[in-house]
Amino acid sequence: MIEIDIRFERPAAALEPMITSYYFVSVAGPADASVIDLLHPEWANIRFVSGPAWQMRSDEGAFVDAPPAALFGPTSKARMIRGGPGMITGIGLTPPGWRRLIGTDASQIANSFIDLARLPALAALPQAAQGCATDRDRADRLDAAILAIAEPAPAVRTAQALAALRDPAITDVEAFAAAVGLSTRQLERLCRRDFGFTPKLLLARQRFLRTLGRMRERLDEPWVSLIDSAYVDQSHFNRDFRRFMGLSPSEYFALPRVMLEPAGVARHARLGAPLQGLHR
C-alpha cells in the first residue's frame, strides 16, 4: 500500500509575485510500488526528487525519466507522471517569476523539461532545501536562495498581463492587449516569452481551468451550471476538456487521481485556489 502526503507552504512576501507556492510530496510504500497520475495544465515549476527518478509520459506515449532536479516549462496539456517512494520538493513559478528567475524564452521549454544543471544560477536550489527539520524551514531556506539570485526588476508588463489573464471579463485577444496597454503583436511576443504560449491559447486555457476548478469543488452540481461564461455551450467546453486534458470530463472524474485530488484539497486549504493556474 502506498501513502501520499502533500503539503504546501507560502513564499516570503517579497516573492509572492514570483512564486505560487512551495510544495512537498512524500510517497511511502514498498520499494517496487509506483504512483501514476496526471498533472493539470500549469505554470512552470522547479522540482527536485529524493529517491528514484520520476517519469513523464511523452507525446509518443513512452515514459521518460526526468532529471533528479529539473525545470518544467509551462504546460498547455495534461501530462501523465509515474514515480515511487521518496520525496518531491517543488517551486511553482508565476510568469513574472519566470521572467525574473529564468529569463529565457518560455515557449522553448513549454510542455517539456530540462535538467536544472543547465541553469548554473539555479543548480544550487536543491542543496538549499536539504537538512531541514520542517517544511517551513525548507521554504525559508528556498526563499533566501531565490532572493539572492532573482532579477530585481519587477517585470511590470508581465505582471499586468497575468492580472488581465486572471480577469474572467477579458475573453478575447484585443481586450487582453488593451488591458495591458500593448498592441496585439507586442502582447503575443510578451506571452510567448514569459508565459510560453500565445494570448489566444492562454485565454482558452484560463477559461478551462476556471471551469475545472469549480467542477472539482462542486461535484454535486450539474456541470452545465458551472461552465465558464466564455464558453458558447457545453459542447464547446467538452472540446476544450479533451484538448487540455486528453480525456472527456466523465473519463477524468472516473480516474482515482491519487495525487491530484489530495493536492487540490491541500492547495485550496493553504493557498485559496485548487489549481496552480488559478493562483492569485
C-alpha atoms as a PDB file:
ATOM      1  CA  MET A   1       0.000   0.000   0.000  1.00  0.00           C
ATOM      2  CA  ILE A   2       1.242   3.478  -0.932  1.00  0.00           C
ATOM      3  CA  GLU A   3       0.713   6.516   1.277  1.00  0.00           C
ATOM      4  CA  ILE A   4       0.883  10.021  -0.204  1.00  0.00           C
ATOM      5  CA  ASP A   5       1.221  13.222   1.803  1.00  0.00           C
ATOM      6  CA  ILE A   6       1.125  16.602   0.021  1.00  0.00           C
ATOM      7  CA  ARG A   7       1.881  19.873   1.815  1.00  0.00           C
ATOM      8  CA  PHE A   8       2.120  23.494   0.732  1.00  0.00           C
ATOM      9  CA  GLU A   9       3.979  26.497   2.123  1.00  0.00           C
ATOM     10  CA  ARG A  10       3.743  30.137   1.083  1.00  0.00           C
ATOM     11  CA  PRO A  11       6.849  32.039  -0.036  1.00  0.00           C
ATOM     12  CA  ALA A  12       8.118  35.188   1.682  1.00  0.00           C
ATOM     13  CA  ALA A  13       6.026  38.287   0.942  1.00  0.00           C
ATOM     14  CA  ALA A  14       8.745  39.673  -1.349  1.00  0.00           C
ATOM     15  CA  LEU A  15       8.498  36.537  -3.515  1.00  0.00           C
ATOM     16  CA  GLU A  16       4.711  36.264  -3.776  1.00  0.00           C
ATOM     17  CA  PRO A  17       4.650  37.926  -7.240  1.00  0.00           C
ATOM     18  CA  MET A  18       7.136  35.262  -8.427  1.00  0.00           C
ATOM     19  CA  ILE A  19       6.316  32.049  -6.557  1.00  0.00           C
ATOM     20  CA  THR A  20       2.875  30.443  -6.382  1.00  0.00           C
ATOM     21  CA  SER A  21       3.961  28.130  -3.549  1.00  0.00           C
ATOM     22  CA  TYR A  22       6.468  25.621  -2.323  1.00  0.00           C
ATOM     23  CA  TYR A  23       5.097  22.083  -2.164  1.00  0.00           C
ATOM     24  CA  PHE A  24       6.335  18.840  -0.717  1.00  0.00           C
ATOM     25  CA  VAL A  25       5.114  15.413  -1.827  1.00  0.00           C
ATOM     26  CA  SER A  26       6.069  12.439   0.334  1.00  0.00           C
ATOM     27  CA  VAL A  27       5.388   8.968  -1.056  1.00  0.00           C
ATOM     28  CA  ALA A  28       5.814   5.970   1.276  1.00  0.00           C
ATOM     29  CA  GLY A  29       5.438   2.299   0.431  1.00  0.00           C
ATOM     30  CA  PRO A  30       7.267  -0.775  -0.886  1.00  0.00           C
ATOM     31  CA  ALA A  31      10.345  -0.037  -2.970  1.00  0.00           C
ATOM     32  CA  ASP A  32       8.762  -1.531  -6.092  1.00  0.00           C
ATOM     33  CA  ALA A  33       5.452   0.368  -5.699  1.00  0.00           C
ATOM     34  CA  SER A  34       4.535   3.163  -8.095  1.00  0.00           C
ATOM     35  CA  VAL A  35       2.064   6.019  -8.386  1.00  0.00           C
ATOM     36  CA  ILE A  36       0.526   7.117 -11.680  1.00  0.00           C
ATOM     37  CA  ASP A  37      -1.464  10.322 -12.080  1.00  0.00           C
ATOM     38  CA  LEU A  38      -1.999  13.363 -14.286  1.00  0.00           C
ATOM     39  CA  LEU A  39      -0.659  16.883 -13.950  1.00  0.00           C
ATOM     40  CA  HIS A  40      -3.099  19.618 -14.965  1.00  0.00           C
ATOM     41  CA  PRO A  41      -2.021  22.351 -17.383  1.00  0.00           C
ATOM     42  CA  GLU A  42       0.013  24.728 -15.218  1.00  0.00           C
ATOM     43  CA  TRP A  43       2.680  27.396 -14.976  1.00  0.00           C
ATOM     44  CA  ALA A  44       6.339  26.460 -14.774  1.00  0.00           C
ATOM     45  CA  ASN A  45       7.782  24.507 -11.852  1.00  0.00           C
ATOM     46  CA  ILE A  46      11.186  23.623 -10.457  1.00  0.00           C
ATOM     47  CA  ARG A  47      11.169  20.129  -8.935  1.00  0.00           C
ATOM     48  CA  PHE A  48      13.822  18.017  -7.264  1.00  0.00           C
ATOM     49  CA  VAL A  49      13.423  14.436  -6.144  1.00  0.00           C
ATOM     50  CA  SER A  50      14.879  12.455  -3.271  1.00  0.00           C
ATOM     51  CA  GLY A  51      14.535   8.798  -4.238  1.00  0.00           C
ATOM     52  CA  PRO A  52      14.021   7.016  -7.564  1.00  0.00           C
ATOM     53  CA  ALA A  53      13.541   9.116 -10.680  1.00  0.00           C
ATOM     54  CA  TRP A  54      10.029  10.179 -11.598  1.00  0.00           C
ATOM     55  CA  GLN A  55       8.901   9.783 -15.180  1.00  0.00           C
ATOM     56  CA  MET A  56       6.700  11.794 -17.513  1.00  0.00           C
ATOM     57  CA  ARG A  57       4.861  10.337 -20.488  1.00  0.00           C
ATOM     58  CA  SER A  58       5.910  11.836 -23.792  1.00  0.00           C
ATOM     59  CA  ASP A  59       3.650  12.730 -26.714  1.00  0.00           C
ATOM     60  CA  GLU A  60       4.658   9.388 -28.242  1.00  0.00           C
ATOM     61  CA  GLY A  61       3.301   7.528 -25.197  1.00  0.00           C
ATOM     62  CA  ALA A  62       6.580   6.353 -23.625  1.00  0.00           C
ATOM     63  CA  PHE A  63       7.552   7.243 -20.059  1.00  0.00           C
ATOM     64  CA  VAL A  64      10.759   9.306 -19.933  1.00  0.00           C
ATOM     65  CA  ASP A  65      12.922   9.794 -16.814  1.00  0.00           C
ATOM     66  CA  ALA A  66      13.032  13.352 -15.523  1.00  0.00           C
ATOM     67  CA  PRO A  67      16.350  14.531 -14.078  1.00  0.00           C
ATOM     68  CA  PRO A  68      16.587  14.469 -10.262  1.00  0.00           C
ATOM     69  CA  ALA A  69      16.443  18.279 -10.387  1.00  0.00           C
ATOM     70  CA  ALA A  70      14.598  19.804 -13.317  1.00  0.00           C
ATOM     71  CA  LEU A  71      12.883  22.901 -14.648  1.00  0.00           C
ATOM     72  CA  PHE A  72       9.465  22.055 -16.069  1.00  0.00           C
ATOM     73  CA  GLY A  73       8.150  24.625 -18.527  1.00  0.00           C
ATOM     74  CA  PRO A  74       4.569  25.896 -18.570  1.00  0.00           C
ATOM     75  CA  THR A  75       2.091  23.394 -19.973  1.00  0.00           C
ATOM     76  CA  SER A  76      -0.980  23.582 -22.180  1.00  0.00           C
ATOM     77  CA  LYS A  77      -1.975  19.935 -21.757  1.00  0.00           C
ATOM     78  CA  ALA A  78      -2.152  17.324 -19.043  1.00  0.00           C
ATOM     79  CA  ARG A  79       0.865  15.093 -18.566  1.00  0.00           C
ATOM     80  CA  MET A  80       0.864  11.628 -17.038  1.00  0.00           C
ATOM     81  CA  ILE A  81       3.541  11.078 -14.396  1.00  0.00           C
ATOM     82  CA  ARG A  82       4.840   7.957 -12.675  1.00  0.00           C
ATOM     83  CA  GLY A  83       7.069   7.526  -9.636  1.00  0.00           C
ATOM     84  CA  GLY A  84       7.767   5.635  -6.442  1.00  0.00           C
ATOM     85  CA  PRO A  85       8.638   6.156  -2.783  1.00  0.00           C
ATOM     86  CA  GLY A  86      10.617   9.253  -1.917  1.00  0.00           C
ATOM     87  CA  MET A  87      10.046  12.973  -1.723  1.00  0.00           C
ATOM     88  CA  ILE A  88       9.466  15.715  -4.279  1.00  0.00           C
ATOM     89  CA  THR A  89      10.185  19.346  -3.460  1.00  0.00           C
ATOM     90  CA  GLY A  90       8.521  21.784  -5.845  1.00  0.00           C
ATOM     91  CA  ILE A  91       8.649  25.512  -6.535  1.00  0.00           C
ATOM     92  CA  GLY A  92       5.751  26.913  -8.557  1.00  0.00           C
ATOM     93  CA  LEU A  93       6.691  29.894 -10.745  1.00  0.00           C
ATOM     94  CA  THR A  94       4.376  32.628 -11.949  1.00  0.00           C
ATOM     95  CA  PRO A  95       5.119  34.181 -15.376  1.00  0.00           C
ATOM     96  CA  PRO A  96       6.754  37.178 -13.636  1.00  0.00           C
ATOM     97  CA  GLY A  97       8.750  34.636 -11.649  1.00  0.00           C
ATOM     98  CA  TRP A  98       9.837  33.025 -14.907  1.00  0.00           C
ATOM     99  CA  ARG A  99      10.928  36.401 -16.216  1.00  0.00           C
ATOM    100  CA  ARG A 100      12.926  37.310 -13.106  1.00  0.00           C
ATOM    101  CA  LEU A 101      14.375  33.906 -12.252  1.00  0.00           C
ATOM    102  CA  ILE A 102      14.763  32.069 -15.583  1.00  0.00           C
ATOM    103  CA  GLY A 103      14.846  34.915 -18.103  1.00  0.00           C
ATOM    104  CA  THR A 104      14.820  32.770 -21.256  1.00  0.00           C
ATOM    105  CA  ASP A 105      12.038  32.275 -23.813  1.00  0.00           C
ATOM    106  CA  ALA A 106       9.410  30.151 -22.036  1.00  0.00           C
ATOM    107  CA  SER A 107       7.973  28.909 -25.329  1.00  0.00           C
ATOM    108  CA  GLN A 108      11.223  26.979 -25.901  1.00  0.00           C
ATOM    109  CA  ILE A 109      10.577  24.807 -22.802  1.00  0.00           C
ATOM    110  CA  ALA A 110       6.755  24.772 -22.904  1.00  0.00           C
ATOM    111  CA  ASN A 111       5.311  21.263 -22.394  1.00  0.00           C
ATOM    112  CA  SER A 112       8.825  19.990 -21.715  1.00  0.00           C
ATOM    113  CA  PHE A 113      11.594  19.993 -19.104  1.00  0.00           C
ATOM    114  CA  ILE A 114      15.341  20.472 -18.837  1.00  0.00           C
ATOM    115  CA  ASP A 115      17.980  19.453 -16.313  1.00  0.00           C
ATOM    116  CA  LEU A 116      18.419  22.175 -13.692  1.00  0.00           C
ATOM    117  CA  ALA A 117      22.184  21.709 -14.076  1.00  0.00           C
ATOM    118  CA  ARG A 118      21.869  23.581 -17.389  1.00  0.00           C
ATOM    119  CA  LEU A 119      20.981  26.719 -15.391  1.00  0.00           C
ATOM    120  CA  PRO A 120      24.001  27.362 -13.131  1.00  0.00           C
ATOM    121  CA  ALA A 121      22.277  30.080 -11.092  1.00  0.00           C
ATOM    122  CA  LEU A 122      19.534  27.613 -10.079  1.00  0.00           C
ATOM    123  CA  ALA A 123      21.605  24.455  -9.727  1.00  0.00           C
ATOM    124  CA  ALA A 124      22.196  25.055  -6.001  1.00  0.00           C
ATOM    125  CA  LEU A 125      18.491  25.249  -5.087  1.00  0.00           C
ATOM    126  CA  PRO A 126      18.132  21.530  -4.233  1.00  0.00           C
ATOM    127  CA  GLN A 127      21.018  21.786  -1.798  1.00  0.00           C
ATOM    128  CA  ALA A 128      19.380  24.784  -0.095  1.00  0.00           C
ATOM    129  CA  ALA A 129      16.423  22.616   0.941  1.00  0.00           C
ATOM    130  CA  GLN A 130      18.493  19.783   2.397  1.00  0.00           C
ATOM    131  CA  GLY A 131      18.950  19.094   6.093  1.00  0.00           C
ATOM    132  CA  CYS A 132      15.805  20.923   7.188  1.00  0.00           C
ATOM    133  CA  ALA A 133      13.630  19.704  10.060  1.00  0.00           C
ATOM    134  CA  THR A 134      10.310  21.106   8.781  1.00  0.00           C
ATOM    135  CA  ASP A 135       8.647  22.219   5.560  1.00  0.00           C
ATOM    136  CA  ARG A 136       8.686  25.807   6.816  1.00  0.00           C
ATOM    137  CA  ASP A 137      12.436  25.550   7.307  1.00  0.00           C
ATOM    138  CA  ARG A 138      12.795  24.322   3.724  1.00  0.00           C
ATOM    139  CA  ALA A 139      10.626  27.166   2.449  1.00  0.00           C
ATOM    140  CA  ASP A 140      12.645  29.757   4.389  1.00  0.00           C
ATOM    141  CA  ARG A 141      15.900  28.366   3.011  1.00  0.00           C
ATOM    142  CA  LEU A 142      14.499  28.428  -0.531  1.00  0.00           C
ATOM    143  CA  ASP A 143      13.241  31.989  -0.015  1.00  0.00           C
ATOM    144  CA  ALA A 144      16.761  33.116   0.866  1.00  0.00           C
ATOM    145  CA  ALA A 145      18.347  31.273  -2.071  1.00  0.00           C
ATOM    146  CA  ILE A 146      15.850  32.655  -4.599  1.00  0.00           C
ATOM    147  CA  LEU A 147      16.020  36.231  -3.295  1.00  0.00           C
ATOM    148  CA  ALA A 148      19.799  36.058  -3.749  1.00  0.00           C
ATOM    149  CA  ILE A 149      19.619  35.208  -7.458  1.00  0.00           C
ATOM    150  CA  ALA A 150      16.348  36.729  -8.775  1.00  0.00           C
ATOM    151  CA  GLU A 151      16.459  39.667 -11.144  1.00  0.00           C
ATOM    152  CA  PRO A 152      15.436  42.668  -9.004  1.00  0.00           C
ATOM    153  CA  ALA A 153      13.348  44.411 -11.702  1.00  0.00           C
ATOM    154  CA  PRO A 154       9.644  43.693 -11.028  1.00  0.00           C
ATOM    155  CA  ALA A 155       8.587  42.575 -14.573  1.00  0.00           C
ATOM    156  CA  VAL A 156       5.722  45.090 -14.576  1.00  0.00           C
ATOM    157  CA  ARG A 157       4.297  44.303 -18.026  1.00  0.00           C
ATOM    158  CA  THR A 158       4.329  40.578 -17.340  1.00  0.00           C
ATOM    159  CA  ALA A 159       2.519  41.135 -14.039  1.00  0.00           C
ATOM    160  CA  GLN A 160      -0.060  43.310 -15.797  1.00  0.00           C
ATOM    161  CA  ALA A 161      -0.607  40.602 -18.398  1.00  0.00           C
ATOM    162  CA  LEU A 162      -1.065  37.979 -15.676  1.00  0.00           C
ATOM    163  CA  ALA A 163      -3.635  40.159 -13.888  1.00  0.00           C
ATOM    164  CA  ALA A 164      -5.537  40.637 -17.141  1.00  0.00           C
ATOM    165  CA  LEU A 165      -5.451  36.916 -17.870  1.00  0.00           C
ATOM    166  CA  ARG A 166      -6.992  36.225 -14.450  1.00  0.00           C
ATOM    167  CA  ASP A 167      -9.895  38.589 -15.184  1.00  0.00           C
ATOM    168  CA  PRO A 168     -12.861  36.467 -16.381  1.00  0.00           C
ATOM    169  CA  ALA A 169     -14.319  39.513 -18.142  1.00  0.00           C
ATOM    170  CA  ILE A 170     -11.414  39.508 -20.621  1.00  0.00           C
ATOM    171  CA  THR A 171     -12.279  36.888 -23.216  1.00  0.00           C
ATOM    172  CA  ASP A 172     -10.534  37.958 -26.444  1.00  0.00           C
ATOM    173  CA  VAL A 173      -7.044  38.933 -27.506  1.00  0.00           C
ATOM    174  CA  GLU A 174      -7.957  42.543 -28.341  1.00  0.00           C
ATOM    175  CA  ALA A 175      -9.352  43.170 -24.846  1.00  0.00           C
ATOM    176  CA  PHE A 176      -6.349  41.362 -23.357  1.00  0.00           C
ATOM    177  CA  ALA A 177      -3.923  43.618 -25.234  1.00  0.00           C
ATOM    178  CA  ALA A 178      -5.862  46.764 -24.322  1.00  0.00           C
ATOM    179  CA  ALA A 179      -5.809  45.855 -20.628  1.00  0.00           C
ATOM    180  CA  VAL A 180      -2.013  45.564 -20.751  1.00  0.00           C
ATOM    181  CA  GLY A 181      -1.510  48.659 -22.913  1.00  0.00           C
ATOM    182  CA  LEU A 182       0.145  46.778 -25.766  1.00  0.00           C
ATOM    183  CA  SER A 183      -0.615  46.075 -29.398  1.00  0.00           C
ATOM    184  CA  THR A 184      -1.743  42.528 -30.149  1.00  0.00           C
ATOM    185  CA  ARG A 185       1.636  41.849 -31.772  1.00  0.00           C
ATOM    186  CA  GLN A 186       3.524  43.119 -28.705  1.00  0.00           C
ATOM    187  CA  LEU A 187       1.282  41.056 -26.428  1.00  0.00           C
ATOM    188  CA  GLU A 188       1.989  37.944 -28.480  1.00  0.00           C
ATOM    189  CA  ARG A 189       5.734  38.419 -28.082  1.00  0.00           C
ATOM    190  CA  LEU A 190       5.430  39.005 -24.341  1.00  0.00           C
ATOM    191  CA  CYS A 191       3.165  35.987 -23.814  1.00  0.00           C
ATOM    192  CA  ARG A 192       5.361  33.607 -25.760  1.00  0.00           C
ATOM    193  CA  ARG A 193       8.461  34.830 -23.915  1.00  0.00           C
ATOM    194  CA  ASP A 194       7.147  34.837 -20.326  1.00  0.00           C
ATOM    195  CA  PHE A 195       4.011  32.628 -20.408  1.00  0.00           C
ATOM    196  CA  GLY A 196       5.081  30.087 -23.013  1.00  0.00           C
ATOM    197  CA  PHE A 197       2.035  30.339 -25.282  1.00  0.00           C
ATOM    198  CA  THR A 198       0.043  32.688 -27.495  1.00  0.00           C
ATOM    199  CA  PRO A 199      -2.536  35.020 -25.913  1.00  0.00           C
ATOM    200  CA  LYS A 200      -5.354  33.097 -27.603  1.00  0.00           C
ATOM    201  CA  LEU A 201      -4.257  29.773 -26.142  1.00  0.00           C
ATOM    202  CA  LEU A 202      -3.712  31.325 -22.695  1.00  0.00           C
ATOM    203  CA  LEU A 203      -7.247  32.732 -22.647  1.00  0.00           C
ATOM    204  CA  ALA A 204      -8.646  29.333 -23.649  1.00  0.00           C
ATOM    205  CA  ARG A 205      -6.581  27.564 -21.001  1.00  0.00           C
ATOM    206  CA  GLN A 206      -7.701  30.012 -18.330  1.00  0.00           C
ATOM    207  CA  ARG A 207     -11.427  29.629 -19.064  1.00  0.00           C
ATOM    208  CA  PHE A 208     -10.940  25.856 -18.952  1.00  0.00           C
ATOM    209  CA  LEU A 209      -9.110  25.966 -15.611  1.00  0.00           C
ATOM    210  CA  ARG A 210     -11.757  28.254 -14.106  1.00  0.00           C
ATOM    211  CA  THR A 211     -14.431  25.735 -15.033  1.00  0.00           C
ATOM    212  CA  LEU A 212     -12.392  22.715 -13.928  1.00  0.00           C
ATOM    213  CA  GLY A 213     -11.726  24.381 -10.568  1.00  0.00           C
ATOM    214  CA  ARG A 214     -15.448  24.874  -9.992  1.00  0.00           C
ATOM    215  CA  MET A 215     -16.257  21.335 -11.089  1.00  0.00           C
ATOM    216  CA  ARG A 216     -13.716  19.830  -8.694  1.00  0.00           C
ATOM    217  CA  GLU A 217     -15.135  21.808  -5.777  1.00  0.00           C
ATOM    218  CA  ARG A 218     -18.826  21.289  -6.521  1.00  0.00           C
ATOM    219  CA  LEU A 219     -19.166  17.704  -7.692  1.00  0.00           C
ATOM    220  CA  ASP A 220     -22.798  17.514  -6.602  1.00  0.00           C
ATOM    221  CA  GLU A 221     -23.893  20.258  -9.023  1.00  0.00           C
ATOM    222  CA  PRO A 222     -24.750  19.764 -12.721  1.00  0.00           C
ATOM    223  CA  TRP A 223     -21.724  20.514 -14.882  1.00  0.00           C
ATOM    224  CA  VAL A 224     -23.698  22.761 -17.197  1.00  0.00           C
ATOM    225  CA  SER A 225     -24.295  25.204 -14.315  1.00  0.00           C
ATOM    226  CA  LEU A 226     -20.544  25.526 -13.663  1.00  0.00           C
ATOM    227  CA  ILE A 227     -19.285  26.170 -17.189  1.00  0.00           C
ATOM    228  CA  ASP A 228     -17.492  29.493 -17.610  1.00  0.00           C
ATOM    229  CA  SER A 229     -19.450  32.247 -19.337  1.00  0.00           C
ATOM    230  CA  ALA A 230     -16.734  32.465 -22.011  1.00  0.00           C
ATOM    231  CA  TYR A 231     -17.978  29.140 -23.425  1.00  0.00           C
ATOM    232  CA  VAL A 232     -20.649  29.126 -26.118  1.00  0.00           C
ATOM    233  CA  ASP A 233     -22.208  25.903 -24.835  1.00  0.00           C
ATOM    234  CA  GLN A 234     -21.380  22.579 -23.143  1.00  0.00           C
ATOM    235  CA  SER A 235     -20.079  21.052 -26.389  1.00  0.00           C
ATOM    236  CA  HIS A 236     -17.576  23.903 -26.627  1.00  0.00           C
ATOM    237  CA  PHE A 237     -16.377  23.113 -23.092  1.00  0.00           C
ATOM    238  CA  ASN A 238     -16.227  19.364 -23.792  1.00  0.00           C
ATOM    239  CA  ARG A 239     -13.941  20.017 -26.766  1.00  0.00           C
ATOM    240  CA  ASP A 240     -11.681  22.170 -24.595  1.00  0.00           C
ATOM    241  CA  PHE A 241     -11.631  19.494 -21.894  1.00  0.00           C
ATOM    242  CA  ARG A 242     -10.307  16.908 -24.324  1.00  0.00           C
ATOM    243  CA  ARG A 243      -7.913  19.463 -25.823  1.00  0.00           C
ATOM    244  CA  PHE A 244      -6.307  20.282 -22.464  1.00  0.00           C
ATOM    245  CA  MET A 245      -6.703  17.005 -20.558  1.00  0.00           C
ATOM    246  CA  GLY A 246      -6.745  14.372 -23.320  1.00  0.00           C
ATOM    247  CA  LEU A 247      -9.924  12.952 -21.736  1.00  0.00           C
ATOM    248  CA  SER A 248     -13.630  13.634 -21.585  1.00  0.00           C
ATOM    249  CA  PRO A 249     -14.980  15.108 -18.312  1.00  0.00           C
ATOM    250  CA  SER A 250     -16.556  11.782 -17.343  1.00  0.00           C
ATOM    251  CA  GLU A 251     -13.301   9.901 -18.046  1.00  0.00           C
ATOM    252  CA  TYR A 252     -11.353  12.386 -15.933  1.00  0.00           C
ATOM    253  CA  PHE A 253     -13.670  12.214 -12.928  1.00  0.00           C
ATOM    254  CA  ALA A 254     -13.674   8.408 -13.081  1.00  0.00           C
ATOM    255  CA  LEU A 255      -9.896   8.348 -12.501  1.00  0.00           C
ATOM    256  CA  PRO A 256      -8.591   7.669  -8.968  1.00  0.00           C
ATOM    257  CA  ARG A 257      -6.494  10.903  -9.065  1.00  0.00           C
ATOM    258  CA  VAL A 258      -4.413   9.671  -6.144  1.00  0.00           C
ATOM    259  CA  MET A 259      -2.215  12.782  -6.199  1.00  0.00           C
ATOM    260  CA  LEU A 260      -4.362  15.366  -7.954  1.00  0.00           C
ATOM    261  CA  GLU A 261      -7.277  15.105  -5.560  1.00  0.00           C
ATOM    262  CA  PRO A 262      -5.372  15.480  -2.252  1.00  0.00           C
ATOM    263  CA  ALA A 263      -3.153  18.126  -3.847  1.00  0.00           C
ATOM    264  CA  GLY A 264      -6.193  20.185  -4.873  1.00  0.00           C
ATOM    265  CA  VAL A 265      -7.709  19.939  -1.395  1.00  0.00           C
ATOM    266  CA  ALA A 266      -4.437  20.836   0.336  1.00  0.00           C
ATOM    267  CA  ARG A 267      -3.689  23.675  -2.102  1.00  0.00           C
ATOM    268  CA  HIS A 268      -7.150  25.204  -1.666  1.00  0.00           C
ATOM    269  CA  ALA A 269      -6.965  24.984   2.123  1.00  0.00           C
ATOM    270  CA  ARG A 270      -3.495  26.519   2.328  1.00  0.00           C
ATOM    271  CA  LEU A 271      -3.442  28.894  -0.654  1.00  0.00           C
ATOM    272  CA  GLY A 272      -7.070  29.560  -1.613  1.00  0.00           C
ATOM    273  CA  ALA A 273      -7.032  28.032  -5.113  1.00  0.00           C
ATOM    274  CA  PRO A 274      -7.311  24.345  -6.125  1.00  0.00           C
ATOM    275  CA  LEU A 275      -5.118  24.653  -9.253  1.00  0.00           C
ATOM    276  CA  GLN A 276      -1.776  26.379  -9.782  1.00  0.00           C
ATOM    277  CA  GLY A 277      -3.095  28.094 -12.918  1.00  0.00           C
ATOM    278  CA  LEU A 278      -5.779  29.817 -10.796  1.00  0.00           C
ATOM    279  CA  HIS A 279      -3.327  31.078  -8.187  1.00  0.00           C
ATOM    280  CA  ARG A 280      -3.733  34.746  -7.224  1.00  0.00           C
END
